[in-house]
PDB file of N, CA and C in Angstrom:
ATOM      1  N   UNK A   1       0.067  17.286 -10.919  1.00  0.00           N
ATOM      2  CA  UNK A   1       1.457  16.420 -10.994  1.00  0.00           C
ATOM      3  C   UNK A   1       2.776  17.343 -11.641  1.00  0.00           C
ATOM      4  N   UNK A   2       4.036  17.463 -10.829  1.00  0.00           N
ATOM      5  CA  UNK A   2       4.686  18.144 -11.442  1.00  0.00           C
ATOM      6  C   UNK A   2       5.668  17.577 -12.098  1.00  0.00           C
ATOM      7  N   UNK A   3       7.229  17.800 -12.582  1.00  0.00           N
ATOM      8  CA  UNK A   3       7.727  17.087 -13.310  1.00  0.00           C
ATOM      9  C   UNK A   3       8.575  15.889 -12.467  1.00  0.00           C
ATOM     10  N   UNK A   4       8.985  15.833 -11.142  1.00  0.00           N
ATOM     11  CA  UNK A   4       9.317  14.829 -10.259  1.00  0.00           C
ATOM     12  C   UNK A   4       8.151  13.863 -10.301  1.00  0.00           C
ATOM     13  N   UNK A   5       6.855  13.723 -10.262  1.00  0.00           N
ATOM     14  CA  UNK A   5       5.892  12.882 -10.536  1.00  0.00           C
ATOM     15  C   UNK A   5       6.316  11.975 -11.819  1.00  0.00           C
ATOM     16  N   UNK A   6       6.356  12.543 -12.760  1.00  0.00           N
ATOM     17  CA  UNK A   6       6.675  11.919 -14.096  1.00  0.00           C
ATOM     18  C   UNK A   6       7.573  11.471 -14.235  1.00  0.00           C
ATOM     19  N   UNK A   7       8.664  12.350 -13.366  1.00  0.00           N
ATOM     20  CA  UNK A   7       9.925  11.216 -13.310  1.00  0.00           C
ATOM     21  C   UNK A   7      10.103   9.952 -12.802  1.00  0.00           C
ATOM     22  N   UNK A   8       9.052  10.283 -11.660  1.00  0.00           N
ATOM     23  CA  UNK A   8       9.049   8.542 -10.740  1.00  0.00           C
ATOM     24  C   UNK A   8       8.411   7.576 -11.546  1.00  0.00           C
ATOM     25  N   UNK A   9       7.475   7.846 -12.176  1.00  0.00           N
ATOM     26  CA  UNK A   9       6.804   7.191 -13.140  1.00  0.00           C
ATOM     27  C   UNK A   9       7.651   6.536 -14.155  1.00  0.00           C
ATOM     28  N   UNK A  10       8.430   7.278 -15.219  1.00  0.00           N
ATOM     29  CA  UNK A  10       9.438   7.161 -15.780  1.00  0.00           C
ATOM     30  C   UNK A  10      10.296   6.422 -15.337  1.00  0.00           C
ATOM     31  N   UNK A  11      11.062   6.573 -14.033  1.00  0.00           N
ATOM     32  CA  UNK A  11      12.483   5.777 -13.334  1.00  0.00           C
ATOM     33  C   UNK A  11      11.805   4.282 -13.402  1.00  0.00           C
ATOM     34  N   UNK A  12      10.724   3.998 -13.022  1.00  0.00           N
ATOM     35  CA  UNK A  12      10.409   2.767 -12.540  1.00  0.00           C
ATOM     36  C   UNK A  12      10.307   2.220 -14.460  1.00  0.00           C
ATOM     37  N   UNK A  13      10.048   2.325 -15.224  1.00  0.00           N
ATOM     38  CA  UNK A  13       9.317   1.764 -16.433  1.00  0.00           C
ATOM     39  C   UNK A  13      11.331   1.891 -17.078  1.00  0.00           C
ATOM     40  N   UNK A  14      12.015   2.497 -16.731  1.00  0.00           N
ATOM     41  CA  UNK A  14      13.317   2.562 -16.977  1.00  0.00           C
ATOM     42  C   UNK A  14      13.950   1.401 -16.392  1.00  0.00           C
ATOM     43  N   UNK A  15      13.469   1.453 -15.352  1.00  0.00           N
ATOM     44  CA  UNK A  15      14.502   0.410 -14.388  1.00  0.00           C
ATOM     45  C   UNK A  15      14.155  -1.047 -14.967  1.00  0.00           C
ATOM     46  N   UNK A  16      13.312  -1.011 -15.428  1.00  0.00           N
ATOM     47  CA  UNK A  16      12.788  -2.902 -16.637  1.00  0.00           C
ATOM     48  C   UNK A  16      13.047  -2.466 -17.616  1.00  0.00           C
ATOM     49  N   UNK A  17      13.928  -3.666 -17.809  1.00  0.00           N
ATOM     50  CA  UNK A  17      14.185  -3.675 -19.368  1.00  0.00           C
ATOM     51  C   UNK A  17      13.120  -4.329 -20.429  1.00  0.00           C
ATOM     52  N   UNK A  18      13.816  -4.386 -21.536  1.00  0.00           N
ATOM     53  CA  UNK A  18      12.273  -4.275 -22.280  1.00  0.00           C
ATOM     54  C   UNK A  18      11.853  -6.205 -22.817  1.00  0.00           C
ATOM     55  N   UNK A  19      12.672  -6.864 -21.699  1.00  0.00           N
ATOM     56  CA  UNK A  19      12.243  -8.288 -22.184  1.00  0.00           C
ATOM     57  C   UNK A  19      10.350  -8.315 -21.839  1.00  0.00           C
ATOM     58  N   UNK A  20      10.448  -9.421 -22.405  1.00  0.00           N
ATOM     59  CA  UNK A  20       8.905  -9.663 -22.144  1.00  0.00           C
ATOM     60  C   UNK A  20       8.508 -10.221 -20.501  1.00  0.00           C
ATOM     61  N   UNK A  21       9.299 -10.965 -20.106  1.00  0.00           N
ATOM     62  CA  UNK A  21       9.000 -11.696 -18.972  1.00  0.00           C
ATOM     63  C   UNK A  21       9.147 -10.136 -17.834  1.00  0.00           C
ATOM     64  N   UNK A  22       9.916  -8.669 -18.176  1.00  0.00           N
ATOM     65  CA  UNK A  22      10.247  -7.807 -16.987  1.00  0.00           C
ATOM     66  C   UNK A  22       8.524  -7.142 -17.643  1.00  0.00           C
ATOM     67  N   UNK A  23       8.307  -6.755 -18.818  1.00  0.00           N
ATOM     68  CA  UNK A  23       7.070  -5.979 -18.801  1.00  0.00           C
ATOM     69  C   UNK A  23       6.048  -6.924 -18.244  1.00  0.00           C
ATOM     70  N   UNK A  24       5.779  -8.287 -18.375  1.00  0.00           N
ATOM     71  CA  UNK A  24       4.728  -9.043 -17.871  1.00  0.00           C
ATOM     72  C   UNK A  24       4.514  -8.008 -16.019  1.00  0.00           C
ATOM     73  N   UNK A  25       6.014  -8.505 -15.556  1.00  0.00           N
ATOM     74  CA  UNK A  25       5.698  -8.380 -13.741  1.00  0.00           C
ATOM     75  C   UNK A  25       5.848  -6.654 -13.830  1.00  0.00           C
ATOM     76  N   UNK A  26       6.429  -5.778 -14.394  1.00  0.00           N
ATOM     77  CA  UNK A  26       5.976  -4.219 -14.095  1.00  0.00           C
ATOM     78  C   UNK A  26       4.510  -4.133 -14.468  1.00  0.00           C
ATOM     79  N   UNK A  27       4.036  -4.760 -15.598  1.00  0.00           N
ATOM     80  CA  UNK A  27       2.516  -4.635 -15.800  1.00  0.00           C
ATOM     81  C   UNK A  27       1.600  -5.089 -14.660  1.00  0.00           C
ATOM     82  N   UNK A  28       2.201  -5.932 -14.039  1.00  0.00           N
ATOM     83  CA  UNK A  28       1.639  -6.486 -12.446  1.00  0.00           C
ATOM     84  C   UNK A  28       1.677  -5.402 -11.406  1.00  0.00           C
ATOM     85  N   UNK A  29       2.646  -4.784 -11.137  1.00  0.00           N
ATOM     86  CA  UNK A  29       2.900  -3.698 -10.357  1.00  0.00           C
ATOM     87  C   UNK A  29       2.252  -2.506 -10.498  1.00  0.00           C
ATOM     88  N   UNK A  30       1.730  -2.136 -11.986  1.00  0.00           N
ATOM     89  CA  UNK A  30       1.355  -0.936 -12.632  1.00  0.00           C
ATOM     90  C   UNK A  30      -0.431  -1.335 -12.128  1.00  0.00           C
ATOM     91  N   UNK A  31      -0.661  -2.656 -12.702  1.00  0.00           N
ATOM     92  CA  UNK A  31      -2.203  -2.750 -12.230  1.00  0.00           C
ATOM     93  C   UNK A  31      -2.165  -2.737 -10.607  1.00  0.00           C
ATOM     94  N   UNK A  32      -1.654  -2.802 -10.274  1.00  0.00           N
ATOM     95  CA  UNK A  32      -1.699  -2.799  -8.539  1.00  0.00           C
ATOM     96  C   UNK A  32      -1.308  -1.364  -7.959  1.00  0.00           C
ATOM     97  N   UNK A  33      -0.835  -0.810  -8.339  1.00  0.00           N
ATOM     98  CA  UNK A  33      -1.219   0.321  -8.409  1.00  0.00           C
ATOM     99  C   UNK A  33      -2.291   1.002  -8.904  1.00  0.00           C
ATOM    100  N   UNK A  34      -2.799   0.814 -10.133  1.00  0.00           N
ATOM    101  CA  UNK A  34      -3.913   1.228 -10.519  1.00  0.00           C
ATOM    102  C   UNK A  34      -5.151   1.179  -8.932  1.00  0.00           C
ATOM    103  N   UNK A  35      -5.025  -0.040  -8.810  1.00  0.00           N
ATOM    104  CA  UNK A  35      -6.460  -1.048  -8.301  1.00  0.00           C
ATOM    105  C   UNK A  35      -6.386  -0.277  -6.522  1.00  0.00           C
ATOM    106  N   UNK A  36      -4.932   0.110  -6.465  1.00  0.00           N
ATOM    107  CA  UNK A  36      -5.033   0.861  -5.050  1.00  0.00           C
ATOM    108  C   UNK A  36      -4.896   2.255  -4.976  1.00  0.00           C
ATOM    109  N   UNK A  37      -5.537   2.778  -6.090  1.00  0.00           N
ATOM    110  CA  UNK A  37      -5.455   4.263  -6.328  1.00  0.00           C
ATOM    111  C   UNK A  37      -6.574   4.622  -6.675  1.00  0.00           C
ATOM    112  N   UNK A  38      -7.542   3.367  -6.990  1.00  0.00           N
ATOM    113  CA  UNK A  38      -8.861   3.310  -7.621  1.00  0.00           C
ATOM    114  C   UNK A  38     -10.010   4.288  -6.468  1.00  0.00           C
ATOM    115  N   UNK A  39     -10.718   5.532  -7.577  1.00  0.00           N
ATOM    116  CA  UNK A  39     -11.290   6.309  -6.481  1.00  0.00           C
ATOM    117  C   UNK A  39     -12.469   5.743  -5.921  1.00  0.00           C
ATOM    118  N   UNK A  40     -12.232   6.401  -4.445  1.00  0.00           N
ATOM    119  CA  UNK A  40     -13.795   5.767  -3.381  1.00  0.00           C
ATOM    120  C   UNK A  40     -15.166   6.227  -4.179  1.00  0.00           C
ATOM    121  N   UNK A  41     -15.840   5.451  -4.659  1.00  0.00           N
ATOM    122  CA  UNK A  41     -17.057   6.436  -4.592  1.00  0.00           C
ATOM    123  C   UNK A  41     -18.480   5.553  -3.538  1.00  0.00           C
ATOM    124  N   UNK A  42     -19.183   6.369  -3.685  1.00  0.00           N
ATOM    125  CA  UNK A  42     -20.309   6.050  -2.284  1.00  0.00           C
ATOM    126  C   UNK A  42     -20.873   4.866  -3.287  1.00  0.00           C
ATOM    127  N   UNK A  43     -21.566   4.054  -2.457  1.00  0.00           N
ATOM    128  CA  UNK A  43     -22.168   2.599  -2.413  1.00  0.00           C
ATOM    129  C   UNK A  43     -21.723   1.418  -3.828  1.00  0.00           C
ATOM    130  N   UNK A  44     -20.175   1.667  -3.620  1.00  0.00           N
ATOM    131  CA  UNK A  44     -19.380   0.541  -4.820  1.00  0.00           C
ATOM    132  C   UNK A  44     -19.286  -0.604  -3.683  1.00  0.00           C
ATOM    133  N   UNK A  45     -19.489  -1.395  -4.696  1.00  0.00           N
ATOM    134  CA  UNK A  45     -19.529  -3.268  -4.501  1.00  0.00           C
ATOM    135  C   UNK A  45     -18.411  -3.234  -3.315  1.00  0.00           C
ATOM    136  N   UNK A  46     -18.246  -4.440  -2.438  1.00  0.00           N
ATOM    137  CA  UNK A  46     -17.770  -4.420  -1.494  1.00  0.00           C
ATOM    138  C   UNK A  46     -16.364  -4.787  -2.285  1.00  0.00           C
ATOM    139  N   UNK A  47     -16.186  -5.706  -3.865  1.00  0.00           N
ATOM    140  CA  UNK A  47     -15.312  -6.618  -3.976  1.00  0.00           C
ATOM    141  C   UNK A  47     -14.421  -5.607  -4.455  1.00  0.00           C
ATOM    142  N   UNK A  48     -15.012  -3.965  -5.211  1.00  0.00           N
ATOM    143  CA  UNK A  48     -13.736  -2.849  -5.039  1.00  0.00           C
ATOM    144  C   UNK A  48     -13.474  -2.420  -4.190  1.00  0.00           C
ATOM    145  N   UNK A  49     -13.888  -2.418  -2.797  1.00  0.00           N
ATOM    146  CA  UNK A  49     -13.132  -1.951  -1.282  1.00  0.00           C
ATOM    147  C   UNK A  49     -12.012  -3.035  -1.098  1.00  0.00           C
ATOM    148  N   UNK A  50     -12.749  -4.023  -1.506  1.00  0.00           N
ATOM    149  CA  UNK A  50     -11.609  -5.125  -1.319  1.00  0.00           C
ATOM    150  C   UNK A  50     -10.353  -5.737  -2.034  1.00  0.00           C
ATOM    151  N   UNK A  51     -10.629  -4.873  -3.348  1.00  0.00           N
ATOM    152  CA  UNK A  51      -9.316  -4.851  -4.089  1.00  0.00           C
ATOM    153  C   UNK A  51      -8.311  -4.269  -3.943  1.00  0.00           C
ATOM    154  N   UNK A  52      -9.086  -2.800  -3.645  1.00  0.00           N
ATOM    155  CA  UNK A  52      -8.038  -1.774  -3.254  1.00  0.00           C
ATOM    156  C   UNK A  52      -7.067  -2.131  -2.118  1.00  0.00           C
ATOM    157  N   UNK A  53      -7.943  -2.315  -1.206  1.00  0.00           N
ATOM    158  CA  UNK A  53      -7.291  -2.985   0.235  1.00  0.00           C
ATOM    159  C   UNK A  53      -6.511  -3.736   0.166  1.00  0.00           C
ATOM    160  N   UNK A  54      -6.489  -4.605  -0.569  1.00  0.00           N
ATOM    161  CA  UNK A  54      -5.507  -5.685  -0.562  1.00  0.00           C
ATOM    162  C   UNK A  54      -4.467  -5.471  -1.768  1.00  0.00           C
ATOM    163  N   UNK A  55      -4.564  -4.560  -2.569  1.00  0.00           N
ATOM    164  CA  UNK A  55      -3.604  -3.627  -3.693  1.00  0.00           C
ATOM    165  C   UNK A  55      -2.807  -3.006  -2.786  1.00  0.00           C
ATOM    166  N   UNK A  56      -3.110  -2.398  -1.642  1.00  0.00           N
ATOM    167  CA  UNK A  56      -2.360  -1.302  -0.887  1.00  0.00           C
ATOM    168  C   UNK A  56      -1.542  -2.075   0.264  1.00  0.00           C
ATOM    169  N   UNK A  57      -2.302  -3.332   0.657  1.00  0.00           N
ATOM    170  CA  UNK A  57      -1.516  -4.279   1.790  1.00  0.00           C
ATOM    171  C   UNK A  57      -0.357  -4.841   0.999  1.00  0.00           C
ATOM    172  N   UNK A  58      -0.421  -5.259  -0.318  1.00  0.00           N
ATOM    173  CA  UNK A  58       0.801  -5.758  -1.089  1.00  0.00           C
ATOM    174  C   UNK A  58       2.036  -5.142  -1.147  1.00  0.00           C
ATOM    175  N   UNK A  59       1.665  -3.825  -1.526  1.00  0.00           N
ATOM    176  CA  UNK A  59       2.910  -3.309  -1.201  1.00  0.00           C
ATOM    177  C   UNK A  59       3.534  -3.147   0.149  1.00  0.00           C
ATOM    178  N   UNK A  60       2.667  -3.039   0.764  1.00  0.00           N
ATOM    179  CA  UNK A  60       3.555  -2.365   2.445  1.00  0.00           C
ATOM    180  C   UNK A  60       3.238  -3.696   3.576  1.00  0.00           C
ATOM    181  N   UNK A  61       2.855  -5.251   2.584  1.00  0.00           N
ATOM    182  CA  UNK A  61       3.625  -5.908   3.426  1.00  0.00           C
ATOM    183  C   UNK A  61       4.887  -6.547   4.216  1.00  0.00           C
ATOM    184  N   UNK A  62       5.715  -6.477   5.247  1.00  0.00           N
ATOM    185  CA  UNK A  62       7.105  -6.908   5.494  1.00  0.00           C
ATOM    186  C   UNK A  62       7.292  -8.019   6.471  1.00  0.00           C
ATOM    187  N   UNK A  63       6.107  -8.944   5.908  1.00  0.00           N
ATOM    188  CA  UNK A  63       6.798 -10.076   6.376  1.00  0.00           C
ATOM    189  C   UNK A  63       5.663 -11.126   5.881  1.00  0.00           C
ATOM    190  N   UNK A  64       6.023 -12.438   5.716  1.00  0.00           N
ATOM    191  CA  UNK A  64       5.026 -13.562   5.078  1.00  0.00           C
ATOM    192  C   UNK A  64       5.130 -13.694   3.891  1.00  0.00           C
ATOM    193  N   UNK A  65       4.056 -14.570   3.326  1.00  0.00           N
ATOM    194  CA  UNK A  65       3.705 -14.653   1.751  1.00  0.00           C
ATOM    195  C   UNK A  65       3.582 -13.385   0.698  1.00  0.00           C
ATOM    196  N   UNK A  66       3.160 -12.390   1.371  1.00  0.00           N
ATOM    197  CA  UNK A  66       2.438 -10.965   0.337  1.00  0.00           C
ATOM    198  C   UNK A  66       3.594 -10.405   0.271  1.00  0.00           C
ATOM    199  N   UNK A  67       4.624 -10.339   1.051  1.00  0.00           N
ATOM    200  CA  UNK A  67       5.610  -9.446   1.258  1.00  0.00           C
ATOM    201  C   UNK A  67       6.582 -10.409  -0.176  1.00  0.00           C
ATOM    202  N   UNK A  68       6.811 -11.765   0.236  1.00  0.00           N
ATOM    203  CA  UNK A  68       7.774 -12.463  -0.874  1.00  0.00           C
ATOM    204  C   UNK A  68       6.992 -12.355  -1.559  1.00  0.00           C
ATOM    205  N   UNK A  69       5.702 -12.573  -2.166  1.00  0.00           N
ATOM    206  CA  UNK A  69       5.358 -12.395  -3.587  1.00  0.00           C
ATOM    207  C   UNK A  69       5.560 -10.979  -4.023  1.00  0.00           C
ATOM    208  N   UNK A  70       5.357  -9.826  -3.281  1.00  0.00           N
ATOM    209  CA  UNK A  70       5.947  -8.858  -3.607  1.00  0.00           C
ATOM    210  C   UNK A  70       7.293  -8.914  -4.047  1.00  0.00           C
ATOM    211  N   UNK A  71       8.247  -8.983  -3.593  1.00  0.00           N
ATOM    212  CA  UNK A  71       9.629  -9.524  -3.974  1.00  0.00           C
ATOM    213  C   UNK A  71      10.015  -9.619  -4.850  1.00  0.00           C
ATOM    214  N   UNK A  72       9.203 -10.959  -5.087  1.00  0.00           N
ATOM    215  CA  UNK A  72       9.210 -11.593  -6.231  1.00  0.00           C
ATOM    216  C   UNK A  72       9.225 -11.005  -7.283  1.00  0.00           C
ATOM    217  N   UNK A  73       7.837 -10.355  -7.412  1.00  0.00           N
ATOM    218  CA  UNK A  73       7.384  -9.797  -8.512  1.00  0.00           C
ATOM    219  C   UNK A  73       8.134  -8.414  -9.091  1.00  0.00           C
ATOM    220  N   UNK A  74       8.496  -7.824  -7.866  1.00  0.00           N
ATOM    221  CA  UNK A  74      10.194  -6.933  -8.039  1.00  0.00           C
ATOM    222  C   UNK A  74      11.493  -7.501  -8.773  1.00  0.00           C
ATOM    223  N   UNK A  75      11.587  -8.408  -7.983  1.00  0.00           N
ATOM    224  CA  UNK A  75      12.672  -9.103  -8.608  1.00  0.00           C
ATOM    225  C   UNK A  75      12.949  -9.211  -9.887  1.00  0.00           C
ATOM    226  N   UNK A  76      11.442 -10.121 -10.360  1.00  0.00           N
ATOM    227  CA  UNK A  76      11.309 -10.466 -12.094  1.00  0.00           C
ATOM    228  C   UNK A  76      11.226  -9.396 -12.749  1.00  0.00           C
ATOM    229  N   UNK A  77      10.425  -8.414 -12.127  1.00  0.00           N
ATOM    230  CA  UNK A  77      10.426  -6.919 -13.160  1.00  0.00           C
ATOM    231  C   UNK A  77      11.688  -6.139 -13.107  1.00  0.00           C
ATOM    232  N   UNK A  78      12.999  -6.373 -12.550  1.00  0.00           N
ATOM    233  CA  UNK A  78      14.132  -5.556 -12.344  1.00  0.00           C
ATOM    234  C   UNK A  78      13.987  -4.534 -11.842  1.00  0.00           C
ATOM    235  N   UNK A  79      13.310  -4.543 -10.628  1.00  0.00           N
ATOM    236  CA  UNK A  79      13.125  -3.478  -9.630  1.00  0.00           C
ATOM    237  C   UNK A  79      13.407  -3.233  -8.564  1.00  0.00           C
ATOM    238  N   UNK A  80      14.136  -2.858  -8.105  1.00  0.00           N
ATOM    239  CA  UNK A  80      14.259  -2.645  -6.051  1.00  0.00           C
ATOM    240  C   UNK A  80      12.894  -2.369  -5.393  1.00  0.00           C
ATOM    241  N   UNK A  81      12.468  -3.837  -4.827  1.00  0.00           N
ATOM    242  CA  UNK A  81      11.286  -3.578  -3.785  1.00  0.00           C
ATOM    243  C   UNK A  81      11.467  -2.104  -3.211  1.00  0.00           C
ATOM    244  N   UNK A  82      12.146  -1.681  -2.461  1.00  0.00           N
ATOM    245  CA  UNK A  82      12.428  -0.223  -1.481  1.00  0.00           C
ATOM    246  C   UNK A  82      11.842   0.301  -2.450  1.00  0.00           C
ATOM    247  N   UNK A  83      12.825   0.559  -3.864  1.00  0.00           N
ATOM    248  CA  UNK A  83      12.085   2.007  -4.615  1.00  0.00           C
ATOM    249  C   UNK A  83      10.868   1.915  -4.658  1.00  0.00           C
ATOM    250  N   UNK A  84      10.166   0.808  -5.526  1.00  0.00           N
ATOM    251  CA  UNK A  84       9.040   0.416  -5.773  1.00  0.00           C
ATOM    252  C   UNK A  84       7.945   0.751  -4.435  1.00  0.00           C
ATOM    253  N   UNK A  85       8.129   0.659  -3.264  1.00  0.00           N
ATOM    254  CA  UNK A  85       7.535   0.835  -1.665  1.00  0.00           C
ATOM    255  C   UNK A  85       7.375   2.154  -1.799  1.00  0.00           C
ATOM    256  N   UNK A  86       8.533   2.793  -1.888  1.00  0.00           N
ATOM    257  CA  UNK A  86       8.799   4.324  -1.731  1.00  0.00           C
ATOM    258  C   UNK A  86       7.728   4.763  -2.907  1.00  0.00           C
ATOM    259  N   UNK A  87       7.806   4.541  -3.636  1.00  0.00           N
ATOM    260  CA  UNK A  87       7.072   4.979  -5.141  1.00  0.00           C
ATOM    261  C   UNK A  87       5.338   4.872  -5.144  1.00  0.00           C
ATOM    262  N   UNK A  88       5.169   3.645  -4.173  1.00  0.00           N
ATOM    263  CA  UNK A  88       3.507   3.375  -3.940  1.00  0.00           C
ATOM    264  C   UNK A  88       3.273   4.032  -3.004  1.00  0.00           C
ATOM    265  N   UNK A  89       3.820   4.331  -1.607  1.00  0.00           N
ATOM    266  CA  UNK A  89       3.626   5.464  -0.964  1.00  0.00           C
ATOM    267  C   UNK A  89       3.177   6.739  -1.371  1.00  0.00           C
ATOM    268  N   UNK A  90       4.433   6.785  -2.016  1.00  0.00           N
ATOM    269  CA  UNK A  90       3.934   8.416  -2.714  1.00  0.00           C
ATOM    270  C   UNK A  90       2.958   8.362  -3.659  1.00  0.00           C
ATOM    271  N   UNK A  91       2.537   7.861  -4.236  1.00  0.00           N
ATOM    272  CA  UNK A  91       1.205   7.579  -5.172  1.00  0.00           C
ATOM    273  C   UNK A  91       0.309   7.131  -4.583  1.00  0.00           C
ATOM    274  N   UNK A  92       0.071   7.033  -3.562  1.00  0.00           N
ATOM    275  CA  UNK A  92      -1.300   6.295  -3.108  1.00  0.00           C
ATOM    276  C   UNK A  92      -1.600   7.370  -2.102  1.00  0.00           C
ATOM    277  N   UNK A  93      -0.479   8.081  -1.716  1.00  0.00           N
ATOM    278  CA  UNK A  93      -0.783   9.391  -0.914  1.00  0.00           C
ATOM    279  C   UNK A  93      -0.322  10.549  -1.802  1.00  0.00           C
ATOM    280  N   UNK A  94      -0.609  10.376  -2.835  1.00  0.00           N
ATOM    281  CA  UNK A  94      -0.649  11.651  -3.623  1.00  0.00           C
ATOM    282  C   UNK A  94      -2.311  12.876  -3.755  1.00  0.00           C
ATOM    283  N   UNK A  95      -1.952  13.716  -3.858  1.00  0.00           N
ATOM    284  CA  UNK A  95      -3.350  14.481  -3.840  1.00  0.00           C
ATOM    285  C   UNK A  95      -3.526  14.622  -5.675  1.00  0.00           C
ATOM    286  N   UNK A  96      -2.993  13.761  -6.252  1.00  0.00           N
ATOM    287  CA  UNK A  96      -2.702  13.934  -7.888  1.00  0.00           C
ATOM    288  C   UNK A  96      -3.230  12.585  -8.343  1.00  0.00           C
ATOM    289  N   UNK A  97      -3.526  11.662  -7.637  1.00  0.00           N
ATOM    290  CA  UNK A  97      -3.956  10.595  -8.173  1.00  0.00           C
ATOM    291  C   UNK A  97      -4.601  10.057  -9.507  1.00  0.00           C
ATOM    292  N   UNK A  98      -5.429  10.947  -9.800  1.00  0.00           N
ATOM    293  CA  UNK A  98      -5.790  10.656 -11.291  1.00  0.00           C
ATOM    294  C   UNK A  98      -4.598  10.999 -11.916  1.00  0.00           C
ATOM    295  N   UNK A  99      -4.122  11.667 -12.050  1.00  0.00           N
ATOM    296  CA  UNK A  99      -2.856  11.630 -13.305  1.00  0.00           C
ATOM    297  C   UNK A  99      -2.091  11.066 -13.221  1.00  0.00           C
ATOM    298  N   UNK A 100      -1.682  10.449 -11.817  1.00  0.00           N
ATOM    299  CA  UNK A 100      -0.618   9.214 -11.784  1.00  0.00           C
ATOM    300  C   UNK A 100      -1.408   8.337 -12.549  1.00  0.00           C
ATOM    301  N   UNK A 101      -2.273   8.231 -12.319  1.00  0.00           N
ATOM    302  CA  UNK A 101      -3.475   7.245 -13.093  1.00  0.00           C
ATOM    303  C   UNK A 101      -3.288   6.665 -14.520  1.00  0.00           C
ATOM    304  N   UNK A 102      -2.897   7.717 -15.004  1.00  0.00           N
ATOM    305  CA  UNK A 102      -3.352   8.255 -16.028  1.00  0.00           C
ATOM    306  C   UNK A 102      -2.297   7.678 -17.298  1.00  0.00           C
ATOM    307  N   UNK A 103      -0.850   8.054 -16.364  1.00  0.00           N
ATOM    308  CA  UNK A 103       0.418   7.812 -16.872  1.00  0.00           C
ATOM    309  C   UNK A 103       1.070   6.591 -16.554  1.00  0.00           C
ATOM    310  N   UNK A 104       0.208   5.724 -15.909  1.00  0.00           N
ATOM    311  CA  UNK A 104       0.395   4.260 -15.725  1.00  0.00           C
ATOM    312  C   UNK A 104      -0.482   3.591 -16.842  1.00  0.00           C
ATOM    313  N   UNK A 105      -1.431   4.301 -16.805  1.00  0.00           N
ATOM    314  CA  UNK A 105      -2.256   3.473 -17.888  1.00  0.00           C
ATOM    315  C   UNK A 105      -1.530   3.438 -19.542  1.00  0.00           C
ATOM    316  N   UNK A 106      -1.034   4.789 -19.786  1.00  0.00           N
ATOM    317  CA  UNK A 106       0.002   5.195 -20.607  1.00  0.00           C
ATOM    318  C   UNK A 106       1.032   4.267 -21.200  1.00  0.00           C
ATOM    319  N   UNK A 107       1.532   3.876 -19.914  1.00  0.00           N
ATOM    320  CA  UNK A 107       2.939   3.083 -19.542  1.00  0.00           C
ATOM    321  C   UNK A 107       2.391   1.492 -19.636  1.00  0.00           C
ATOM    322  N   UNK A 108       1.011   1.156 -19.500  1.00  0.00           N
ATOM    323  CA  UNK A 108       0.711  -0.143 -20.096  1.00  0.00           C
ATOM    324  C   UNK A 108       0.323  -0.438 -21.217  1.00  0.00           C
ATOM    325  N   UNK A 109      -0.193   0.632 -21.484  1.00  0.00           N
ATOM    326  CA  UNK A 109      -1.003   0.833 -23.144  1.00  0.00           C
ATOM    327  C   UNK A 109       0.063   0.411 -23.834  1.00  0.00           C
ATOM    328  N   UNK A 110       1.658   1.235 -23.674  1.00  0.00           N
ATOM    329  CA  UNK A 110       3.014   1.641 -24.779  1.00  0.00           C
ATOM    330  C   UNK A 110       3.275  -0.157 -24.231  1.00  0.00           C
ATOM    331  N   UNK A 111       3.591  -0.684 -23.505  1.00  0.00           N
ATOM    332  CA  UNK A 111       4.445  -1.331 -23.244  1.00  0.00           C
ATOM    333  C   UNK A 111       3.127  -2.986 -23.851  1.00  0.00           C
ATOM    334  N   UNK A 112       2.060  -2.929 -23.790  1.00  0.00           N
ATOM    335  CA  UNK A 112       1.034  -4.034 -24.542  1.00  0.00           C
ATOM    336  C   UNK A 112       1.642  -3.564 -26.231  1.00  0.00           C
ATOM    337  N   UNK A 113       1.515  -2.527 -26.406  1.00  0.00           N
ATOM    338  CA  UNK A 113       1.506  -2.101 -28.114  1.00  0.00           C
ATOM    339  C   UNK A 113       3.151  -2.837 -28.020  1.00  0.00           C
ATOM    340  N   UNK A 114       3.834  -2.352 -27.526  1.00  0.00           N
ATOM    341  CA  UNK A 114       5.780  -2.934 -28.158  1.00  0.00           C
ATOM    342  C   UNK A 114       5.406  -4.306 -27.985  1.00  0.00           C
ATOM    343  N   UNK A 115       4.914  -5.175 -27.023  1.00  0.00           N
ATOM    344  CA  UNK A 115       4.753  -6.561 -26.926  1.00  0.00           C
ATOM    345  C   UNK A 115       4.006  -6.950 -28.664  1.00  0.00           C
ATOM    346  N   UNK A 116       2.829  -6.362 -28.965  1.00  0.00           N
ATOM    347  CA  UNK A 116       2.486  -6.964 -29.821  1.00  0.00           C
ATOM    348  C   UNK A 116       3.183  -6.506 -31.236  1.00  0.00           C
ATOM    349  N   UNK A 117       3.535  -5.485 -31.311  1.00  0.00           N
ATOM    350  CA  UNK A 117       4.489  -5.222 -32.863  1.00  0.00           C
ATOM    351  C   UNK A 117       5.525  -6.020 -32.545  1.00  0.00           C
ATOM    352  N   UNK A 118       6.010  -6.168 -31.960  1.00  0.00           N
ATOM    353  CA  UNK A 118       7.190  -7.289 -31.696  1.00  0.00           C
ATOM    354  C   UNK A 118       6.634  -8.777 -32.370  1.00  0.00           C
ATOM    355  N   UNK A 119       5.285  -9.351 -31.802  1.00  0.00           N
ATOM    356  CA  UNK A 119       4.563 -10.774 -32.390  1.00  0.00           C
ATOM    357  C   UNK A 119       4.863 -10.252 -33.668  1.00  0.00           C
ATOM    358  N   UNK A 120       4.641  -9.106 -34.465  1.00  0.00           N
ATOM    359  CA  UNK A 120       4.484  -8.965 -36.012  1.00  0.00           C
ATOM    360  C   UNK A 120       5.070  -8.893 -36.730  1.00  0.00           C
TER     361      UNK A 120
END
């Protein structure tokens, strides 16, 4: 993973502000990226394959309810849907999926911790 990869991930985070609803929706996007990039393993359950395929399709649907749902989530996350699709394509086709997954998990963990500290 190079600096540009990290910058792309951080840009997604920075584009959303720290309101709780933005954090919820950015977390949905990050989780979908994690699902879409989950490593394939031999003899994996069909449900895992289905989740990976559905997450990938969610990013790239151009018409219908799935596309509307994706755009709704991006809008409420405060993110440009085209930028998110471009980033998702980059991540899904990356040779460094594990590093990207690690960074996404760190972002999600940090967002959860921020929200927990605000409640206390």
